[in-house]
Amino acid sequence: MKKTIFTIAIFTLLMVSSAFAGDVIGRHILSNDRGLVTVKSIEGNKMAVDIMYTPAKGRLVILTNVLADYNPKTQRAIYSEGKSCPDALKITFQSNGRVVLREAACAVF
């Protein structure tokens, strides 16, 4: 009986964690309502994403078909511009469907 309950609990946990992973793909509104992030696909640790937002500087930034390094355990992605700015944008997916986007000081868009 205990083995059956334990097996069901593990199976349920695996199903719930895989359901949350699927929730990342799609459109997400930024937490400050100043932009939109569209996740097209996730393959391994790479995420194909479109990002459109207005930073505090006031200019509209549009990044299309960019690849970001994605960590499914933490639900965070990092977009790099190269060696000059290895963490230009940090993207954090929240459980409420919103996204927090942090721009590094070295980012030049």
N, C-alpha and C. Protein backbone atom coordinates (compact mmCIF):
# COMPACT_ATOMS: atom_id res chain seq x y z
N MET A 1 0.82 -1.19 0.00
CA MET A 1 0.00 0.00 0.00
C MET A 1 0.87 1.26 0.00
N LYS A 2 1.92 1.26 0.84
CA LYS A 2 2.79 2.43 0.91
C LYS A 2 3.54 2.64 -0.39
N LYS A 3 3.94 1.53 -1.04
CA LYS A 3 4.64 1.65 -2.32
C LYS A 3 3.72 2.24 -3.38
N THR A 4 2.47 1.86 -3.37
CA THR A 4 1.51 2.38 -4.34
C THR A 4 1.30 3.88 -4.15
N ILE A 5 1.14 4.31 -2.93
CA ILE A 5 0.95 5.73 -2.64
C ILE A 5 2.21 6.51 -3.02
N PHE A 6 3.38 5.96 -2.71
CA PHE A 6 4.63 6.62 -3.05
C PHE A 6 4.78 6.74 -4.56
N THR A 7 4.44 5.68 -5.30
CA THR A 7 4.53 5.70 -6.76
C THR A 7 3.57 6.73 -7.34
N ILE A 8 2.37 6.79 -6.83
CA ILE A 8 1.40 7.78 -7.31
C ILE A 8 1.87 9.19 -7.01
N ALA A 9 2.45 9.40 -5.85
CA ALA A 9 2.96 10.73 -5.49
C ALA A 9 4.09 11.15 -6.42
N ILE A 10 5.02 10.26 -6.71
CA ILE A 10 6.13 10.57 -7.62
C ILE A 10 5.60 10.86 -9.02
N PHE A 11 4.69 10.04 -9.49
CA PHE A 11 4.11 10.24 -10.82
C PHE A 11 3.40 11.59 -10.91
N THR A 12 2.64 11.94 -9.88
CA THR A 12 1.94 13.22 -9.85
C THR A 12 2.93 14.38 -9.85
N LEU A 13 3.99 14.27 -9.09
CA LEU A 13 5.01 15.32 -9.04
C LEU A 13 5.66 15.50 -10.40
N LEU A 14 5.96 14.42 -11.09
CA LEU A 14 6.56 14.51 -12.42
C LEU A 14 5.60 15.14 -13.42
N MET A 15 4.34 14.80 -13.34
CA MET A 15 3.35 15.37 -14.25
C MET A 15 3.17 16.86 -14.00
N VAL A 16 3.15 17.28 -12.76
CA VAL A 16 3.00 18.69 -12.43
C VAL A 16 4.21 19.47 -12.89
N SER A 17 5.42 18.97 -12.69
CA SER A 17 6.62 19.69 -13.11
C SER A 17 6.68 19.80 -14.62
N SER A 18 6.25 18.78 -15.36
CA SER A 18 6.26 18.87 -16.82
C SER A 18 5.17 19.82 -17.31
N ALA A 19 4.08 19.94 -16.59
CA ALA A 19 3.02 20.88 -16.98
C ALA A 19 3.51 22.31 -16.84
N PHE A 20 4.25 22.60 -15.78
CA PHE A 20 4.78 23.95 -15.62
C PHE A 20 5.80 24.28 -16.69
N ALA A 21 6.57 23.31 -17.14
CA ALA A 21 7.55 23.56 -18.19
C ALA A 21 6.85 23.96 -19.48
N GLY A 22 5.69 23.37 -19.78
CA GLY A 22 4.96 23.71 -20.98
C GLY A 22 4.31 25.08 -20.90
N ASP A 23 4.09 25.60 -19.72
CA ASP A 23 3.46 26.90 -19.55
C ASP A 23 4.37 28.04 -19.98
N VAL A 24 5.66 27.81 -20.12
CA VAL A 24 6.59 28.88 -20.48
C VAL A 24 6.42 29.25 -21.95
N ILE A 25 6.11 28.29 -22.80
CA ILE A 25 5.97 28.57 -24.23
C ILE A 25 4.67 29.36 -24.44
N GLY A 26 4.79 30.46 -25.19
CA GLY A 26 3.64 31.31 -25.47
C GLY A 26 3.97 32.77 -25.20
N ARG A 27 2.96 33.58 -25.05
CA ARG A 27 3.13 35.02 -24.82
C ARG A 27 3.02 35.34 -23.34
N HIS A 28 3.89 36.24 -22.90
CA HIS A 28 3.91 36.66 -21.50
C HIS A 28 4.03 38.18 -21.44
N ILE A 29 3.28 38.77 -20.55
CA ILE A 29 3.35 40.22 -20.34
C ILE A 29 4.38 40.50 -19.27
N LEU A 30 5.16 41.57 -19.46
CA LEU A 30 6.14 41.94 -18.43
C LEU A 30 5.43 42.39 -17.17
N SER A 31 6.06 42.21 -16.03
CA SER A 31 5.43 42.51 -14.75
C SER A 31 5.09 43.98 -14.58
N ASN A 32 5.79 44.86 -15.28
CA ASN A 32 5.48 46.29 -15.18
C ASN A 32 4.63 46.78 -16.35
N ASP A 33 4.06 45.84 -17.13
CA ASP A 33 3.19 46.15 -18.27
C ASP A 33 3.85 47.05 -19.30
N ARG A 34 5.16 46.91 -19.49
CA ARG A 34 5.87 47.74 -20.45
C ARG A 34 6.42 46.92 -21.61
N GLY A 35 5.88 45.71 -21.80
CA GLY A 35 6.38 44.91 -22.91
C GLY A 35 5.77 43.53 -22.98
N LEU A 36 6.28 42.77 -23.93
CA LEU A 36 5.77 41.45 -24.22
C LEU A 36 6.94 40.52 -24.55
N VAL A 37 6.89 39.31 -24.05
CA VAL A 37 7.89 38.28 -24.34
C VAL A 37 7.15 37.10 -24.94
N THR A 38 7.57 36.67 -26.12
CA THR A 38 6.97 35.52 -26.78
C THR A 38 8.00 34.41 -26.89
N VAL A 39 7.74 33.31 -26.21
CA VAL A 39 8.63 32.16 -26.27
C VAL A 39 8.15 31.25 -27.38
N LYS A 40 8.99 31.05 -28.39
CA LYS A 40 8.61 30.24 -29.54
C LYS A 40 8.87 28.77 -29.30
N SER A 41 10.05 28.45 -28.76
CA SER A 41 10.37 27.04 -28.53
C SER A 41 11.48 26.94 -27.50
N ILE A 42 11.58 25.74 -26.92
CA ILE A 42 12.66 25.42 -25.99
C ILE A 42 13.23 24.09 -26.42
N GLU A 43 14.52 24.08 -26.71
CA GLU A 43 15.22 22.86 -27.08
C GLU A 43 16.43 22.71 -26.17
N GLY A 44 16.35 21.78 -25.25
CA GLY A 44 17.43 21.62 -24.28
C GLY A 44 17.49 22.82 -23.36
N ASN A 45 18.62 23.50 -23.36
CA ASN A 45 18.79 24.71 -22.55
C ASN A 45 18.77 25.98 -23.40
N LYS A 46 18.28 25.90 -24.63
CA LYS A 46 18.17 27.07 -25.50
C LYS A 46 16.71 27.41 -25.73
N MET A 47 16.41 28.68 -25.62
CA MET A 47 15.06 29.18 -25.78
C MET A 47 15.04 30.16 -26.96
N ALA A 48 14.15 29.95 -27.92
CA ALA A 48 13.95 30.89 -29.01
C ALA A 48 12.85 31.85 -28.57
N VAL A 49 13.16 33.15 -28.61
CA VAL A 49 12.25 34.12 -28.01
C VAL A 49 12.23 35.42 -28.81
N ASP A 50 11.08 36.09 -28.79
CA ASP A 50 10.92 37.46 -29.29
C ASP A 50 10.65 38.34 -28.08
N ILE A 51 11.33 39.47 -28.01
CA ILE A 51 11.18 40.38 -26.87
C ILE A 51 10.87 41.77 -27.41
N MET A 52 9.83 42.38 -26.88
CA MET A 52 9.47 43.75 -27.23
C MET A 52 9.13 44.47 -25.93
N TYR A 53 9.91 45.51 -25.60
CA TYR A 53 9.67 46.22 -24.35
C TYR A 53 10.18 47.65 -24.44
N THR A 54 9.72 48.44 -23.49
CA THR A 54 10.17 49.83 -23.36
C THR A 54 10.89 49.96 -22.03
N PRO A 55 12.22 50.14 -22.06
CA PRO A 55 12.95 50.30 -20.79
C PRO A 55 12.72 51.68 -20.20
N ALA A 56 13.33 51.92 -19.08
CA ALA A 56 13.18 53.20 -18.39
C ALA A 56 13.66 54.37 -19.24
N LYS A 57 14.57 54.11 -20.17
CA LYS A 57 15.09 55.17 -21.05
C LYS A 57 14.03 55.69 -22.00
N GLY A 58 12.99 54.88 -22.27
CA GLY A 58 11.88 55.34 -23.08
C GLY A 58 11.90 54.91 -24.53
N ARG A 59 12.96 54.27 -25.01
CA ARG A 59 13.01 53.81 -26.40
C ARG A 59 12.40 52.41 -26.49
N LEU A 60 11.77 52.12 -27.59
CA LEU A 60 11.20 50.80 -27.81
C LEU A 60 12.30 49.86 -28.28
N VAL A 61 12.43 48.70 -27.63
CA VAL A 61 13.43 47.70 -27.98
C VAL A 61 12.70 46.48 -28.52
N ILE A 62 13.07 46.04 -29.72
CA ILE A 62 12.47 44.85 -30.32
C ILE A 62 13.60 43.89 -30.69
N LEU A 63 13.56 42.71 -30.10
CA LEU A 63 14.52 41.65 -30.41
C LEU A 63 13.72 40.47 -30.96
N THR A 64 13.99 40.06 -32.19
CA THR A 64 13.24 38.96 -32.78
C THR A 64 14.16 37.79 -33.07
N ASN A 65 13.63 36.60 -32.88
CA ASN A 65 14.34 35.35 -33.15
C ASN A 65 15.70 35.28 -32.49
N VAL A 66 15.76 35.63 -31.21
CA VAL A 66 17.02 35.53 -30.46
C VAL A 66 17.01 34.26 -29.62
N LEU A 67 18.20 33.77 -29.32
CA LEU A 67 18.35 32.60 -28.48
C LEU A 67 18.85 33.01 -27.10
N ALA A 68 18.24 32.46 -26.08
CA ALA A 68 18.63 32.73 -24.71
C ALA A 68 18.95 31.40 -24.03
N ASP A 69 19.87 31.42 -23.09
CA ASP A 69 20.17 30.24 -22.29
C ASP A 69 19.08 30.12 -21.23
N TYR A 70 18.44 28.95 -21.17
CA TYR A 70 17.29 28.75 -20.29
C TYR A 70 17.58 27.66 -19.28
N ASN A 71 17.22 27.94 -18.02
CA ASN A 71 17.33 26.96 -16.94
C ASN A 71 15.92 26.60 -16.50
N PRO A 72 15.42 25.40 -16.86
CA PRO A 72 14.04 25.05 -16.52
C PRO A 72 13.79 24.88 -15.02
N LYS A 73 14.82 24.58 -14.26
CA LYS A 73 14.64 24.41 -12.82
C LYS A 73 14.32 25.73 -12.13
N THR A 74 14.98 26.81 -12.56
CA THR A 74 14.76 28.12 -11.94
C THR A 74 13.79 28.99 -12.75
N GLN A 75 13.40 28.53 -13.94
CA GLN A 75 12.52 29.29 -14.83
C GLN A 75 13.13 30.64 -15.19
N ARG A 76 14.45 30.65 -15.44
CA ARG A 76 15.15 31.88 -15.81
C ARG A 76 15.89 31.69 -17.11
N ALA A 77 15.97 32.76 -17.88
CA ALA A 77 16.71 32.75 -19.14
C ALA A 77 17.63 33.96 -19.18
N ILE A 78 18.75 33.81 -19.88
CA ILE A 78 19.71 34.91 -20.02
C ILE A 78 20.03 35.08 -21.50
N TYR A 79 19.83 36.30 -21.99
CA TYR A 79 20.18 36.64 -23.36
C TYR A 79 21.50 37.41 -23.32
N SER A 80 22.45 36.99 -24.14
CA SER A 80 23.76 37.63 -24.19
C SER A 80 23.96 38.30 -25.54
N GLU A 81 24.67 39.42 -25.51
CA GLU A 81 25.02 40.12 -26.75
C GLU A 81 26.40 39.74 -27.24
N GLY A 82 27.04 38.83 -26.58
CA GLY A 82 28.39 38.44 -26.96
C GLY A 82 29.33 38.62 -25.78
N LYS A 83 30.61 38.66 -26.08
CA LYS A 83 31.62 38.78 -25.03
C LYS A 83 31.57 40.14 -24.33
N SER A 84 31.12 41.15 -25.05
CA SER A 84 31.10 42.49 -24.46
C SER A 84 30.04 42.62 -23.36
N CYS A 85 28.94 41.88 -23.48
CA CYS A 85 27.87 41.94 -22.48
C CYS A 85 27.24 40.55 -22.35
N PRO A 86 27.84 39.68 -21.52
CA PRO A 86 27.40 38.28 -21.45
C PRO A 86 26.02 38.07 -20.83
N ASP A 87 25.49 39.03 -20.11
CA ASP A 87 24.16 38.88 -19.51
C ASP A 87 23.34 40.15 -19.74
N ALA A 88 23.10 40.46 -21.02
CA ALA A 88 22.42 41.70 -21.38
C ALA A 88 21.00 41.76 -20.82
N LEU A 89 20.26 40.65 -20.92
CA LEU A 89 18.90 40.59 -20.39
C LEU A 89 18.73 39.33 -19.55
N LYS A 90 18.16 39.50 -18.38
CA LYS A 90 17.82 38.37 -17.53
C LYS A 90 16.30 38.29 -17.50
N ILE A 91 15.77 37.13 -17.86
CA ILE A 91 14.33 36.93 -17.96
C ILE A 91 13.92 35.91 -16.91
N THR A 92 12.99 36.29 -16.04
CA THR A 92 12.48 35.39 -15.01
C THR A 92 10.99 35.19 -15.20
N PHE A 93 10.57 33.94 -15.38
CA PHE A 93 9.16 33.60 -15.56
C PHE A 93 8.54 33.35 -14.20
N GLN A 94 7.46 34.07 -13.89
CA GLN A 94 6.78 33.92 -12.62
C GLN A 94 5.61 32.95 -12.75
N SER A 95 5.14 32.46 -11.63
CA SER A 95 4.04 31.48 -11.64
C SER A 95 2.71 32.09 -12.05
N ASN A 96 2.58 33.42 -11.99
CA ASN A 96 1.31 34.06 -12.36
C ASN A 96 1.23 34.39 -13.86
N GLY A 97 2.20 33.91 -14.65
CA GLY A 97 2.19 34.14 -16.09
C GLY A 97 2.90 35.40 -16.53
N ARG A 98 3.40 36.16 -15.61
CA ARG A 98 4.12 37.38 -15.95
C ARG A 98 5.61 37.11 -16.01
N VAL A 99 6.35 38.07 -16.55
CA VAL A 99 7.79 37.95 -16.71
C VAL A 99 8.47 39.17 -16.13
N VAL A 100 9.59 38.94 -15.44
CA VAL A 100 10.43 40.04 -14.96
C VAL A 100 11.64 40.10 -15.87
N LEU A 101 11.92 41.28 -16.42
CA LEU A 101 13.02 41.47 -17.35
C LEU A 101 13.98 42.48 -16.75
N ARG A 102 15.24 42.08 -16.61
CA ARG A 102 16.27 42.98 -16.08
C ARG A 102 17.33 43.21 -17.14
N GLU A 103 17.56 44.47 -17.45
CA GLU A 103 18.55 44.86 -18.44
C GLU A 103 19.86 45.22 -17.78
N ALA A 104 20.96 44.67 -18.26
CA ALA A 104 22.28 44.97 -17.70
C ALA A 104 22.72 46.36 -18.15
N ALA A 105 23.61 46.96 -17.37
CA ALA A 105 24.11 48.30 -17.70
C ALA A 105 24.92 48.29 -18.99
N CYS A 106 25.53 47.16 -19.34
CA CYS A 106 26.35 47.09 -20.53
C CYS A 106 25.54 46.88 -21.81
N ALA A 107 24.25 46.62 -21.68
CA ALA A 107 23.40 46.33 -22.85
C ALA A 107 23.21 47.59 -23.69
N VAL A 108 23.45 47.45 -25.00
CA VAL A 108 23.26 48.55 -25.94
C VAL A 108 22.32 48.05 -27.02
N PHE A 109 21.06 48.45 -26.92
CA PHE A 109 20.07 48.03 -27.92
C PHE A 109 19.68 49.20 -28.78
